[in-house]
N, C-alpha and C. Protein backbone atom coordinates (compact mmCIF):
# COMPACT_ATOMS: atom_id res chain seq x y z
N MET A 1 0.91 -1.12 0.01
CA MET A 1 -0.02 0.05 0.00
C MET A 1 0.90 1.27 -0.09
N THR A 2 0.54 2.19 -0.85
CA THR A 2 1.32 3.40 -0.94
C THR A 2 0.99 4.30 0.32
N LEU A 3 1.84 5.26 0.58
CA LEU A 3 1.53 6.18 1.70
C LEU A 3 0.22 6.98 1.40
N ARG A 4 0.05 7.24 0.16
CA ARG A 4 -1.15 8.02 -0.18
C ARG A 4 -2.37 7.15 0.09
N ALA A 5 -2.32 5.94 -0.31
CA ALA A 5 -3.46 4.93 0.03
C ALA A 5 -3.67 4.91 1.51
N ALA A 6 -2.61 4.78 2.31
CA ALA A 6 -2.62 4.60 3.66
C ALA A 6 -3.34 5.82 4.38
N VAL A 7 -2.91 7.06 3.85
CA VAL A 7 -3.43 8.19 4.36
C VAL A 7 -4.99 8.29 4.16
N ALA A 8 -5.30 7.98 2.83
CA ALA A 8 -6.59 7.96 2.39
C ALA A 8 -7.51 7.04 3.29
N ALA A 9 -6.90 5.79 3.55
CA ALA A 9 -7.62 4.91 4.30
C ALA A 9 -7.87 5.49 5.77
N ALA A 10 -6.86 6.18 6.26
CA ALA A 10 -6.99 6.74 7.63
C ALA A 10 -8.15 7.86 7.50
N VAL A 11 -8.18 8.60 6.51
CA VAL A 11 -9.31 9.65 6.38
C VAL A 11 -10.58 8.93 6.35
N ILE A 12 -10.73 7.95 5.53
CA ILE A 12 -11.96 7.18 5.52
C ILE A 12 -12.28 6.50 6.80
N ALA A 13 -11.35 5.88 7.30
CA ALA A 13 -11.57 5.16 8.63
C ALA A 13 -12.01 6.19 9.75
N THR A 14 -11.35 7.27 9.66
CA THR A 14 -11.73 8.31 10.67
C THR A 14 -13.16 8.91 10.39
N SER A 15 -13.64 9.06 9.06
CA SER A 15 -14.90 9.53 8.85
C SER A 15 -15.96 8.56 9.09
N ILE A 16 -15.55 7.12 8.77
CA ILE A 16 -16.51 6.17 9.13
C ILE A 16 -16.78 6.09 10.56
N PHE A 17 -15.69 6.18 11.27
CA PHE A 17 -15.83 6.11 12.71
C PHE A 17 -16.70 7.25 13.27
N PHE A 18 -16.61 8.31 12.78
CA PHE A 18 -17.23 9.47 13.21
C PHE A 18 -18.55 9.95 12.36
N GLY A 19 -18.74 9.14 11.52
CA GLY A 19 -20.05 9.30 10.78
C GLY A 19 -20.13 10.41 9.85
N ARG A 20 -19.18 11.02 9.50
CA ARG A 20 -19.22 12.15 8.39
C ARG A 20 -18.43 11.90 7.21
N THR A 21 -18.86 12.41 6.11
CA THR A 21 -18.01 12.34 4.91
C THR A 21 -17.07 13.55 4.88
N VAL A 22 -15.83 13.41 4.76
CA VAL A 22 -14.96 14.54 4.79
C VAL A 22 -14.51 14.89 3.40
N PRO A 23 -14.02 15.94 2.99
CA PRO A 23 -13.72 16.36 1.68
C PRO A 23 -12.76 15.41 0.99
N ALA A 24 -11.78 14.98 1.81
CA ALA A 24 -10.72 13.92 1.24
C ALA A 24 -11.46 12.62 0.77
N GLN A 25 -12.44 12.29 1.63
CA GLN A 25 -13.21 11.05 1.26
C GLN A 25 -14.07 11.27 0.01
N ARG A 26 -14.67 12.42 -0.11
CA ARG A 26 -15.51 12.76 -1.33
C ARG A 26 -14.56 12.74 -2.53
N ALA A 27 -13.38 13.32 -2.43
CA ALA A 27 -12.46 13.25 -3.53
C ALA A 27 -12.10 11.93 -3.89
N GLN A 28 -11.87 11.06 -2.93
CA GLN A 28 -11.48 9.69 -3.31
C GLN A 28 -12.66 8.96 -3.97
N GLN A 29 -13.93 9.17 -3.44
CA GLN A 29 -15.06 8.59 -4.06
C GLN A 29 -15.34 9.03 -5.48
N GLN A 30 -14.98 10.30 -5.76
CA GLN A 30 -15.13 10.81 -7.09
C GLN A 30 -14.02 10.52 -7.95
N GLY A 31 -12.98 9.68 -7.56
CA GLY A 31 -11.77 9.36 -8.34
C GLY A 31 -10.78 10.43 -8.27
N GLY A 32 -10.91 11.46 -7.69
CA GLY A 32 -9.89 12.52 -7.59
C GLY A 32 -8.77 12.26 -6.61
N ARG A 33 -7.67 12.96 -6.79
CA ARG A 33 -6.56 12.60 -5.83
C ARG A 33 -6.27 13.97 -5.10
N LEU A 34 -6.02 13.79 -3.77
CA LEU A 34 -5.55 15.03 -3.04
C LEU A 34 -4.07 14.74 -2.72
N PRO A 35 -3.25 15.83 -2.62
CA PRO A 35 -1.91 15.66 -2.33
C PRO A 35 -1.73 15.17 -0.83
N ARG A 36 -0.78 14.46 -0.65
CA ARG A 36 -0.51 13.76 0.64
C ARG A 36 -0.68 14.75 1.81
N ALA A 37 0.02 15.85 1.66
CA ALA A 37 -0.02 16.87 2.76
C ALA A 37 -1.52 17.32 2.98
N ALA A 38 -2.31 17.46 1.99
CA ALA A 38 -3.58 17.95 2.17
C ALA A 38 -4.55 16.81 2.93
N LEU A 39 -4.24 15.54 2.52
CA LEU A 39 -4.82 14.45 3.25
C LEU A 39 -4.51 14.42 4.60
N GLU A 40 -3.23 14.61 4.93
CA GLU A 40 -2.76 14.54 6.31
C GLU A 40 -3.47 15.70 7.10
N ARG A 41 -3.50 16.90 6.53
CA ARG A 41 -4.06 17.99 7.20
C ARG A 41 -5.55 17.68 7.58
N ARG A 42 -6.22 17.20 6.56
CA ARG A 42 -7.65 16.87 6.81
C ARG A 42 -7.85 15.74 7.85
N VAL A 43 -7.00 14.73 7.90
CA VAL A 43 -7.12 13.69 8.91
C VAL A 43 -6.85 14.33 10.21
N GLN A 44 -5.87 15.16 10.30
CA GLN A 44 -5.49 15.81 11.59
C GLN A 44 -6.65 16.74 12.12
N ALA A 45 -7.20 17.44 11.27
CA ALA A 45 -8.28 18.31 11.56
C ALA A 45 -9.60 17.61 12.03
N ARG A 46 -9.81 16.47 11.34
CA ARG A 46 -10.89 15.50 11.68
C ARG A 46 -10.75 14.92 13.03
N PHE A 47 -9.55 14.43 13.23
CA PHE A 47 -9.08 13.74 14.53
C PHE A 47 -9.19 14.86 15.69
N ALA A 48 -8.74 16.01 15.44
CA ALA A 48 -8.96 17.05 16.37
C ALA A 48 -10.43 17.37 16.73
N ASP A 49 -11.16 17.42 15.77
CA ASP A 49 -12.61 17.76 15.96
C ASP A 49 -13.18 16.62 16.85
N VAL A 50 -12.86 15.35 16.61
CA VAL A 50 -13.24 14.21 17.35
C VAL A 50 -12.75 14.31 18.80
N VAL A 51 -11.51 14.56 18.94
CA VAL A 51 -10.97 14.62 20.27
C VAL A 51 -11.62 15.72 21.06
N ARG A 52 -11.91 16.83 20.50
CA ARG A 52 -12.65 17.99 21.13
C ARG A 52 -13.84 17.47 21.69
N ALA A 53 -14.69 16.78 20.75
CA ALA A 53 -15.98 16.34 21.18
C ALA A 53 -16.01 15.24 22.21
N ARG A 54 -15.17 14.11 21.89
CA ARG A 54 -15.22 13.02 22.66
C ARG A 54 -14.43 13.10 24.02
N VAL A 55 -13.37 13.78 23.94
CA VAL A 55 -12.51 13.88 25.14
C VAL A 55 -12.89 15.16 26.05
N GLY A 56 -13.43 16.23 25.45
CA GLY A 56 -13.85 17.39 26.10
C GLY A 56 -12.61 18.26 26.42
N VAL A 57 -11.77 18.45 25.48
CA VAL A 57 -10.64 19.30 25.77
C VAL A 57 -10.89 20.81 25.23
N ASN A 58 -10.33 21.82 25.98
CA ASN A 58 -10.40 23.20 25.48
C ASN A 58 -9.28 23.49 24.60
N GLU A 59 -9.21 24.67 24.09
CA GLU A 59 -8.19 25.00 23.10
C GLU A 59 -6.75 25.01 23.64
N THR A 60 -6.53 25.33 24.90
CA THR A 60 -5.34 25.25 25.49
C THR A 60 -4.82 23.83 25.59
N GLN A 61 -5.77 22.93 26.07
CA GLN A 61 -5.41 21.51 26.08
C GLN A 61 -5.23 20.93 24.71
N MET A 62 -5.97 21.40 23.78
CA MET A 62 -5.75 20.81 22.40
C MET A 62 -4.32 21.13 21.82
N ARG A 63 -3.94 22.35 22.15
CA ARG A 63 -2.52 22.81 21.74
C ARG A 63 -1.48 21.94 22.34
N GLN A 64 -1.78 21.74 23.75
CA GLN A 64 -0.71 20.92 24.49
C GLN A 64 -0.85 19.44 23.94
N LEU A 65 -1.99 18.89 23.63
CA LEU A 65 -2.17 17.59 23.19
C LEU A 65 -1.55 17.42 21.69
N THR A 66 -1.60 18.43 20.99
CA THR A 66 -1.00 18.30 19.57
C THR A 66 0.50 18.32 19.72
N ALA A 67 1.07 19.15 20.69
CA ALA A 67 2.46 19.14 20.93
C ALA A 67 2.99 17.76 21.44
N THR A 68 2.21 17.22 22.34
CA THR A 68 2.60 15.83 22.90
C THR A 68 2.51 14.87 21.85
N ASN A 69 1.44 14.86 20.98
CA ASN A 69 1.40 14.00 19.87
C ASN A 69 2.66 13.99 19.01
N ARG A 70 3.07 15.28 18.61
CA ARG A 70 4.21 15.45 17.76
C ARG A 70 5.31 14.75 18.47
N LYS A 71 5.60 14.99 19.80
CA LYS A 71 6.69 14.46 20.46
C LYS A 71 6.77 12.96 20.42
N PHE A 72 5.66 12.27 20.44
CA PHE A 72 5.75 10.78 20.45
C PHE A 72 5.41 10.16 19.14
N GLU A 73 5.02 10.82 18.24
CA GLU A 73 4.39 10.17 16.96
C GLU A 73 5.66 9.52 16.28
N ALA A 74 6.71 10.24 16.01
CA ALA A 74 7.88 9.60 15.30
C ALA A 74 8.32 8.20 15.87
N GLU A 75 8.44 8.30 17.21
CA GLU A 75 8.83 6.97 17.94
C GLU A 75 7.90 6.00 17.65
N ARG A 76 6.60 6.31 17.85
CA ARG A 76 5.44 5.33 17.67
C ARG A 76 5.48 4.76 16.18
N ARG A 77 5.58 5.57 15.29
CA ARG A 77 5.68 4.99 13.86
C ARG A 77 6.88 4.06 13.68
N LEU A 78 7.97 4.41 14.17
CA LEU A 78 9.11 3.49 14.10
C LEU A 78 8.91 2.21 14.79
N LEU A 79 8.23 2.28 15.96
CA LEU A 79 7.90 1.00 16.67
C LEU A 79 6.98 0.06 15.94
N ILE A 80 5.98 0.70 15.26
CA ILE A 80 4.89 0.04 14.50
C ILE A 80 5.56 -0.63 13.32
N GLU A 81 6.47 0.14 12.67
CA GLU A 81 7.20 -0.40 11.50
C GLU A 81 8.13 -1.52 11.95
N ARG A 82 8.75 -1.38 12.96
CA ARG A 82 9.71 -2.47 13.48
C ARG A 82 8.93 -3.71 13.77
N GLU A 83 7.78 -3.55 14.49
CA GLU A 83 7.04 -4.70 14.93
C GLU A 83 6.44 -5.46 13.67
N ARG A 84 5.98 -4.56 12.60
CA ARG A 84 5.52 -5.14 11.42
C ARG A 84 6.49 -5.93 10.72
N GLU A 85 7.73 -5.49 10.55
CA GLU A 85 8.83 -6.19 9.92
C GLU A 85 9.15 -7.43 10.80
N VAL A 86 9.15 -7.44 12.09
CA VAL A 86 9.43 -8.62 12.82
C VAL A 86 8.36 -9.72 12.56
N ARG A 87 7.22 -9.23 12.68
CA ARG A 87 6.01 -10.13 12.42
C ARG A 87 6.06 -10.73 11.08
N VAL A 88 6.40 -9.96 10.01
CA VAL A 88 6.49 -10.58 8.68
C VAL A 88 7.51 -11.62 8.55
N GLY A 89 8.74 -11.32 9.17
CA GLY A 89 9.86 -12.30 9.20
C GLY A 89 9.46 -13.56 10.01
N LEU A 90 8.90 -13.34 11.17
CA LEU A 90 8.36 -14.43 12.00
C LEU A 90 7.34 -15.32 11.16
N ARG A 91 6.37 -14.66 10.67
CA ARG A 91 5.35 -15.45 9.75
C ARG A 91 6.08 -16.26 8.64
N ALA A 92 7.01 -15.58 7.97
CA ALA A 92 7.65 -16.34 6.90
C ALA A 92 8.33 -17.56 7.52
N GLU A 93 9.07 -17.39 8.49
CA GLU A 93 9.82 -18.62 9.09
C GLU A 93 8.81 -19.73 9.48
N VAL A 94 7.80 -19.32 10.22
CA VAL A 94 6.86 -20.34 10.71
C VAL A 94 6.09 -21.03 9.52
N LEU A 95 5.86 -20.34 8.46
CA LEU A 95 5.26 -20.91 7.26
C LEU A 95 6.21 -21.79 6.54
N ALA A 96 7.43 -21.61 6.77
CA ALA A 96 8.49 -22.44 6.08
C ALA A 96 8.38 -23.89 6.66
N GLY A 97 7.69 -24.17 7.65
CA GLY A 97 7.45 -25.52 8.25
C GLY A 97 8.78 -26.03 8.82
N ALA A 98 9.04 -27.22 8.34
CA ALA A 98 10.20 -28.00 8.77
C ALA A 98 11.63 -27.29 8.49
N SER A 99 11.56 -26.54 7.41
CA SER A 99 12.83 -25.78 7.10
C SER A 99 12.87 -24.51 7.84
N ALA A 100 12.08 -24.12 8.77
CA ALA A 100 12.21 -22.82 9.61
C ALA A 100 13.52 -22.97 10.21
N ASN A 101 14.04 -21.69 10.38
CA ASN A 101 15.48 -21.48 11.10
C ASN A 101 15.16 -21.20 12.54
N ASP A 102 15.30 -22.14 13.39
CA ASP A 102 15.05 -22.03 14.80
C ASP A 102 15.80 -20.85 15.55
N THR A 103 16.98 -20.62 15.08
CA THR A 103 17.82 -19.52 15.62
C THR A 103 17.16 -18.20 15.24
N LEU A 104 16.75 -18.09 13.95
CA LEU A 104 16.15 -16.82 13.57
C LEU A 104 14.79 -16.73 14.16
N VAL A 105 14.05 -17.74 14.32
CA VAL A 105 12.65 -17.57 15.03
C VAL A 105 12.95 -17.10 16.38
N SER A 106 13.90 -17.71 17.14
CA SER A 106 14.20 -17.37 18.44
C SER A 106 14.52 -15.79 18.53
N ARG A 107 15.35 -15.31 17.64
CA ARG A 107 15.72 -13.96 17.66
C ARG A 107 14.66 -13.07 17.26
N LEU A 108 13.80 -13.40 16.38
CA LEU A 108 12.63 -12.60 15.99
C LEU A 108 11.61 -12.55 17.21
N LEU A 109 11.40 -13.65 17.95
CA LEU A 109 10.56 -13.62 19.15
C LEU A 109 11.07 -12.60 20.11
N ASP A 110 12.41 -12.78 20.37
CA ASP A 110 13.08 -11.68 21.24
C ASP A 110 12.77 -10.32 20.91
N GLN A 111 13.03 -10.08 19.57
CA GLN A 111 12.74 -8.76 19.04
C GLN A 111 11.40 -8.23 19.20
N LEU A 112 10.46 -9.25 19.00
CA LEU A 112 9.06 -8.80 19.20
C LEU A 112 8.66 -8.50 20.54
N VAL A 113 9.15 -9.17 21.50
CA VAL A 113 8.90 -8.86 23.05
C VAL A 113 9.69 -7.48 23.32
N SER A 114 10.82 -7.27 22.72
CA SER A 114 11.59 -6.03 23.00
C SER A 114 10.70 -4.86 22.39
N VAL A 115 10.15 -5.00 21.24
CA VAL A 115 9.27 -3.98 20.65
C VAL A 115 8.11 -3.68 21.43
N GLN A 116 7.55 -4.66 21.91
CA GLN A 116 6.40 -4.53 22.78
C GLN A 116 6.66 -3.87 24.09
N ARG A 117 7.85 -4.21 24.71
CA ARG A 117 8.26 -3.42 25.91
C ARG A 117 8.41 -1.97 25.57
N GLU A 118 9.09 -1.62 24.46
CA GLU A 118 9.34 -0.28 24.06
C GLU A 118 7.93 0.53 23.94
N ARG A 119 7.04 -0.19 23.33
CA ARG A 119 5.70 0.32 23.06
C ARG A 119 4.99 0.73 24.42
N VAL A 120 5.22 -0.19 25.31
CA VAL A 120 4.67 0.01 26.73
C VAL A 120 5.32 1.25 27.44
N ALA A 121 6.71 1.33 27.30
CA ALA A 121 7.43 2.39 27.84
C ALA A 121 6.92 3.73 27.17
N LEU A 122 6.74 3.68 25.96
CA LEU A 122 6.30 4.85 25.06
C LEU A 122 4.86 5.33 25.62
N VAL A 123 3.93 4.40 25.84
CA VAL A 123 2.63 4.83 26.33
C VAL A 123 2.78 5.32 27.82
N GLU A 124 3.69 4.82 28.58
CA GLU A 124 3.75 5.25 29.95
C GLU A 124 4.28 6.73 29.98
N ALA A 125 5.30 7.00 29.05
CA ALA A 125 5.81 8.36 28.93
C ALA A 125 4.89 9.26 28.45
N GLU A 126 4.07 8.93 27.51
CA GLU A 126 2.98 9.67 26.90
C GLU A 126 1.93 10.03 27.99
N GLN A 127 1.66 9.10 28.72
CA GLN A 127 0.56 9.20 29.85
C GLN A 127 1.08 10.18 30.81
N ARG A 128 2.40 10.11 31.23
CA ARG A 128 2.94 11.10 32.13
C ARG A 128 2.84 12.48 31.58
N ASP A 129 3.17 12.65 30.33
CA ASP A 129 3.05 14.03 29.69
C ASP A 129 1.60 14.52 29.70
N LEU A 130 0.60 13.61 29.26
CA LEU A 130 -0.79 13.96 29.21
C LEU A 130 -1.29 14.36 30.62
N ALA A 131 -0.88 13.71 31.69
CA ALA A 131 -1.24 13.90 32.99
C ALA A 131 -1.04 15.31 33.49
N MET A 132 -0.09 15.90 32.78
CA MET A 132 0.17 17.42 33.19
C MET A 132 -0.94 18.32 32.77
N PHE A 133 -1.83 18.01 31.78
CA PHE A 133 -2.73 19.02 31.42
C PHE A 133 -4.24 18.31 31.10
N LEU A 134 -4.36 16.86 31.23
CA LEU A 134 -5.54 16.24 31.05
C LEU A 134 -5.97 15.55 32.40
N SER A 135 -7.26 15.64 32.69
CA SER A 135 -7.71 14.91 33.91
C SER A 135 -7.59 13.25 33.58
N PRO A 136 -7.67 12.57 34.50
CA PRO A 136 -7.61 11.12 34.31
C PRO A 136 -8.78 10.65 33.39
N VAL A 137 -10.01 11.14 33.60
CA VAL A 137 -11.10 10.76 32.77
C VAL A 137 -10.79 11.19 31.25
N GLN A 138 -10.31 12.37 31.04
CA GLN A 138 -10.00 12.88 29.62
C GLN A 138 -8.93 11.96 29.15
N ARG A 139 -7.80 11.53 29.83
CA ARG A 139 -6.78 10.71 29.38
C ARG A 139 -7.35 9.40 29.02
N ALA A 140 -8.29 8.81 29.82
CA ALA A 140 -8.90 7.56 29.36
C ALA A 140 -9.65 7.64 28.22
N ARG A 141 -10.48 8.74 28.06
CA ARG A 141 -11.20 8.87 26.85
C ARG A 141 -10.34 9.12 25.62
N TYR A 142 -9.24 9.86 25.73
CA TYR A 142 -8.28 9.94 24.72
C TYR A 142 -7.68 8.58 24.28
N LEU A 143 -7.27 7.82 25.22
CA LEU A 143 -6.71 6.50 24.95
C LEU A 143 -7.67 5.67 24.23
N ALA A 144 -9.03 5.76 24.59
CA ALA A 144 -10.10 4.95 23.97
C ALA A 144 -10.24 5.38 22.43
N VAL A 145 -10.18 6.77 22.27
CA VAL A 145 -10.35 7.22 20.78
C VAL A 145 -9.17 6.75 19.97
N GLN A 146 -8.02 6.85 20.52
CA GLN A 146 -6.79 6.39 19.77
C GLN A 146 -6.93 4.90 19.55
N ASP A 147 -7.29 4.08 20.51
CA ASP A 147 -7.34 2.71 20.29
C ASP A 147 -8.38 2.30 19.31
N GLN A 148 -9.54 3.05 19.39
CA GLN A 148 -10.68 2.61 18.39
C GLN A 148 -10.20 2.95 16.89
N ILE A 149 -9.68 4.01 16.81
CA ILE A 149 -9.15 4.39 15.40
C ILE A 149 -8.10 3.29 14.96
N ARG A 150 -7.10 3.00 15.75
CA ARG A 150 -6.17 1.97 15.42
C ARG A 150 -6.76 0.66 15.06
N ARG A 151 -7.78 0.26 15.88
CA ARG A 151 -8.41 -1.06 15.55
C ARG A 151 -9.14 -0.99 14.18
N TRP A 152 -9.86 0.09 13.80
CA TRP A 152 -10.50 0.28 12.60
C TRP A 152 -9.64 0.29 11.40
N MET A 153 -8.44 0.86 11.66
CA MET A 153 -7.55 0.90 10.54
C MET A 153 -6.86 -0.47 10.37
N GLU A 154 -6.58 -1.10 11.44
CA GLU A 154 -6.15 -2.51 11.29
C GLU A 154 -7.15 -3.40 10.64
N GLU A 155 -8.39 -3.21 10.98
CA GLU A 155 -9.50 -4.10 10.27
C GLU A 155 -9.53 -3.67 8.86
N MET A 156 -9.45 -2.38 8.48
CA MET A 156 -9.49 -2.05 7.03
C MET A 156 -8.31 -2.67 6.28
N ARG A 157 -7.15 -2.65 7.01
CA ARG A 157 -5.94 -3.15 6.34
C ARG A 157 -6.18 -4.70 6.06
N ARG A 158 -6.74 -5.38 7.11
CA ARG A 158 -6.98 -6.89 6.89
C ARG A 158 -7.98 -7.15 5.82
N GLU A 159 -9.01 -6.39 5.81
CA GLU A 159 -10.01 -6.56 4.61
C GLU A 159 -9.44 -6.30 3.36
N ARG A 160 -8.51 -5.34 3.28
CA ARG A 160 -7.96 -4.97 1.85
C ARG A 160 -7.02 -6.18 1.62
N GLN A 161 -6.25 -6.67 2.45
CA GLN A 161 -5.50 -7.82 2.23
C GLN A 161 -6.33 -9.10 1.77
N GLN A 162 -7.36 -9.30 2.43
CA GLN A 162 -8.17 -10.31 2.05
C GLN A 162 -8.65 -10.17 0.65
N LYS A 163 -9.06 -9.07 0.29
CA LYS A 163 -9.64 -8.88 -1.12
C LYS A 163 -8.53 -9.00 -2.13
N GLU A 164 -7.26 -8.63 -1.72
CA GLU A 164 -6.20 -8.82 -2.66
C GLU A 164 -5.85 -10.29 -2.85
N ARG A 165 -6.19 -11.11 -1.91
CA ARG A 165 -5.85 -12.50 -2.01
C ARG A 165 -6.93 -13.35 -2.74
N LEU A 166 -8.09 -12.87 -2.74
CA LEU A 166 -9.31 -13.63 -3.36
C LEU A 166 -9.20 -13.48 -4.89
N PRO A 167 -9.44 -14.62 -5.57
CA PRO A 167 -9.59 -14.51 -6.98
C PRO A 167 -10.80 -13.71 -7.39
N PRO A 168 -10.79 -13.14 -8.60
CA PRO A 168 -11.99 -12.53 -9.09
C PRO A 168 -13.22 -13.29 -9.21
N ARG A 169 -14.34 -12.76 -8.84
CA ARG A 169 -15.57 -13.51 -8.81
C ARG A 169 -15.87 -13.91 -10.35
N ARG A 170 -16.38 -15.12 -10.57
CA ARG A 170 -16.77 -15.56 -11.90
C ARG A 170 -17.71 -14.64 -12.66
N ASP A 171 -18.80 -14.19 -11.85
CA ASP A 171 -19.75 -13.47 -12.56
C ASP A 171 -19.23 -12.07 -12.97
N SER A 172 -18.29 -11.62 -12.31
CA SER A 172 -17.63 -10.29 -12.79
C SER A 172 -16.84 -10.32 -13.91
N MET A 173 -16.40 -11.64 -14.39
CA MET A 173 -15.62 -11.76 -15.50
C MET A 173 -16.52 -11.93 -16.81
N ARG A 174 -17.78 -12.24 -16.61
CA ARG A 174 -18.75 -12.41 -17.82
C ARG A 174 -18.81 -11.12 -18.47
N GLN A 175 -19.09 -11.20 -19.64
CA GLN A 175 -19.36 -9.93 -20.47
C GLN A 175 -20.98 -9.80 -20.48
N ARG A 176 -21.38 -8.55 -20.28
CA ARG A 176 -22.78 -8.36 -20.25
C ARG A 176 -23.25 -8.17 -21.74
N PRO A 177 -24.37 -8.53 -22.15
CA PRO A 177 -24.90 -8.35 -23.51
C PRO A 177 -25.10 -6.83 -23.67
N PRO A 178 -24.93 -6.32 -24.85
CA PRO A 178 -25.14 -4.91 -25.10
C PRO A 178 -26.51 -4.49 -24.96
N PRO A 179 -26.73 -3.23 -24.49
CA PRO A 179 -28.05 -2.92 -24.15
C PRO A 179 -29.07 -2.77 -25.38
């Protein structure tokens, strides 16, 4: 999946989650393309709207939350990518059956646990920062919003992967008679 497609999926996932069609989604539905930066801005704006509504933050808190997100986002993306790479390697080895390299599988499992520890440490550090300006209830609501969006995006990714693996339907290959 290209970065543009991933960002578009995030826009659509966010809008599906929150029940509104956003301009980026309308452009995708109409076959148009928006530049990556424009898509990212729209996703961020929609996410901010949702956070304001669901978490109940004021403008000062929203600015602080945006700064905190920026602080942790790069590391979070790196961890997600590392975990994905480890899981892909692990899956390939396990699917190799009897020819799987036990030493490599062991190393990959150790890496997976290490990445998960790093992710927990990142969440703890982020929660400490958020505690400086959000109430515990706001932090819990914010964590729930983040988690829900991540789950929907993962579900969309899985559905897309399943569609890519399925052969075309037989009836879609038939030619229709002319009108």
